[in-house]
Structure formats: structure tokens, C-alpha cells
Protein backbone atom coordinates (compact mmCIF):
# COMPACT_ATOMS: atom_id res chain seq x y z
CA MET A 1 14.89 3.31 -20.06
CA SER A 2 15.71 2.66 -16.25
CA ALA A 3 18.32 4.00 -14.24
CA HIS A 4 20.63 1.87 -11.94
CA ILE A 5 23.31 3.00 -9.00
CA VAL A 6 26.56 1.71 -9.98
CA PRO A 7 27.81 -0.27 -6.91
CA THR A 8 31.69 -0.31 -6.04
CA ASP A 9 31.47 -3.72 -4.12
CA GLY A 10 30.52 -5.88 -7.07
CA GLN A 11 26.91 -6.42 -6.30
CA GLU A 12 24.19 -5.76 -8.65
CA PRO A 13 23.09 -2.34 -9.54
CA ALA A 14 19.88 -1.52 -7.47
CA PRO A 15 17.02 -0.20 -9.75
CA VAL A 16 16.48 3.15 -9.02
CA PRO A 17 12.49 3.13 -8.01
CA ALA A 18 9.88 5.86 -9.44
CA PRO A 19 9.63 9.26 -7.40
CA GLY A 20 6.78 8.85 -5.15
CA THR A 21 7.78 5.10 -4.41
CA LEU A 22 7.45 4.44 -0.54
CA MET A 23 10.51 2.55 0.68
CA VAL A 24 11.45 1.70 3.67
CA ASP A 25 15.10 2.84 5.18
CA THR A 26 16.42 -0.66 7.46
CA ALA A 27 19.54 1.61 8.29
CA ARG A 28 17.04 3.89 10.58
CA ALA A 29 15.06 1.97 12.18
CA ASN A 30 12.57 0.83 9.15
CA ARG A 31 11.84 4.23 8.24
CA ILE A 32 9.35 4.71 5.70
CA GLY A 33 9.87 7.77 3.01
CA GLU A 34 8.46 8.61 -0.38
CA PHE A 35 11.65 8.54 -2.61
CA ARG A 36 12.35 12.05 -4.15
CA GLY A 37 15.41 11.12 -6.39
CA LEU A 38 19.19 11.04 -6.27
CA ALA A 39 21.58 12.88 -4.36
CA GLY A 40 24.72 11.58 -5.54
CA PRO A 41 25.13 8.05 -4.70
CA TYR A 42 22.39 8.43 -2.12
CA TRP A 43 18.58 8.17 -2.88
CA SER A 44 16.61 10.96 -1.17
CA LEU A 45 13.55 9.94 0.67
CA ARG A 46 10.87 12.50 2.32
CA PRO A 47 8.66 11.63 5.11
CA LEU A 48 5.05 10.82 4.40
CA CYS A 49 3.69 13.11 6.97
CA GLY A 50 6.32 16.16 6.49
CA GLY A 51 9.29 16.68 7.86
CA GLN A 52 13.37 16.78 6.52
CA GLU A 53 14.57 14.73 3.55
CA TRP A 54 17.17 12.54 4.35
CA GLU A 55 19.67 10.70 2.37
CA ALA A 56 19.91 7.00 1.99
CA GLU A 57 22.32 4.63 1.02
CA PRO A 58 20.41 2.24 -1.98
CA GLU A 59 21.55 -0.83 -0.01
CA HIS A 60 19.91 0.10 3.08
CA VAL A 61 16.36 0.62 1.49
CA ARG A 62 13.69 -1.49 -0.23
CA PRO A 63 10.32 -0.75 -1.22
CA ALA A 64 7.65 -0.86 1.37
CA ASP A 65 5.32 -3.91 1.38
CA SER A 66 1.63 -3.25 1.42
CA ILE A 67 0.90 -3.29 5.17
CA GLU A 68 3.85 -0.75 5.80
CA ARG A 69 2.31 1.21 2.70
CA LEU A 70 -0.76 1.24 4.32
CA ARG A 71 0.31 2.01 7.81
CA ALA A 72 2.33 4.90 6.09
CA GLN A 73 -0.98 6.40 4.08
CA ASN A 74 -3.26 5.79 7.19
CA ALA A 75 -0.70 8.15 9.36
CA ARG A 76 -0.58 10.66 6.77
CA CYS A 77 -4.76 10.88 6.71
CA ASN A 78 -4.67 10.92 10.27
CA ALA A 79 -2.08 13.76 10.56
CA ARG A 80 -3.98 15.60 7.64
CA SER A 81 -7.13 15.56 9.55
CA ARG A 82 -5.03 16.94 12.93
CA GLY A 83 -4.13 19.94 10.44
CA GLU A 84 -0.38 18.87 10.50
CA VAL A 85 -0.33 17.86 6.79
CA LEU A 86 -1.80 20.06 3.91
């Protein structure tokens, strides 16, 4: 069973990703975050290297491609080596 957001503008519903999926928020300069769940009509994303979660409109969010995932994971490893992330 998969969850969907019901759009109000007649577009196809956006499938809700699994928690932990890396997503790109195109409305925030392609900011990459980990999908955490639903927050009303918004998707809750968390920065991979830590920080405050933010809410994004599903129509402005897409899955991260392989190079974006690699960059985000590398940034997290670097932050962890500096002691910034557990």
C-alpha cells in the first residue's frame, strides 16, 4: 500500500517516498534533505549533515539522482570526521 498526496490543482498525486529517502527541494536552491514524513500538505525534510527540518511543497521536491546522493553522503562523512555530526 502506498500513500499519496491528493493535489487540489488536478495534477497526478505525488507518491510519498519512504522515510530516509534523499530528496531535492527545487524551491530552495536544490537543497538536499532526507524525507522524514508528512506535515499536513507538506513533506518534512531534514538536512543530511544535521540541522533544522523544513517543510516543502511536494510539487517542488524530487528524488536525488545518484551524483546528488553521493555528494550529500560525502558531505555527511566529512562533517562526521570533523565532529559536527554523530
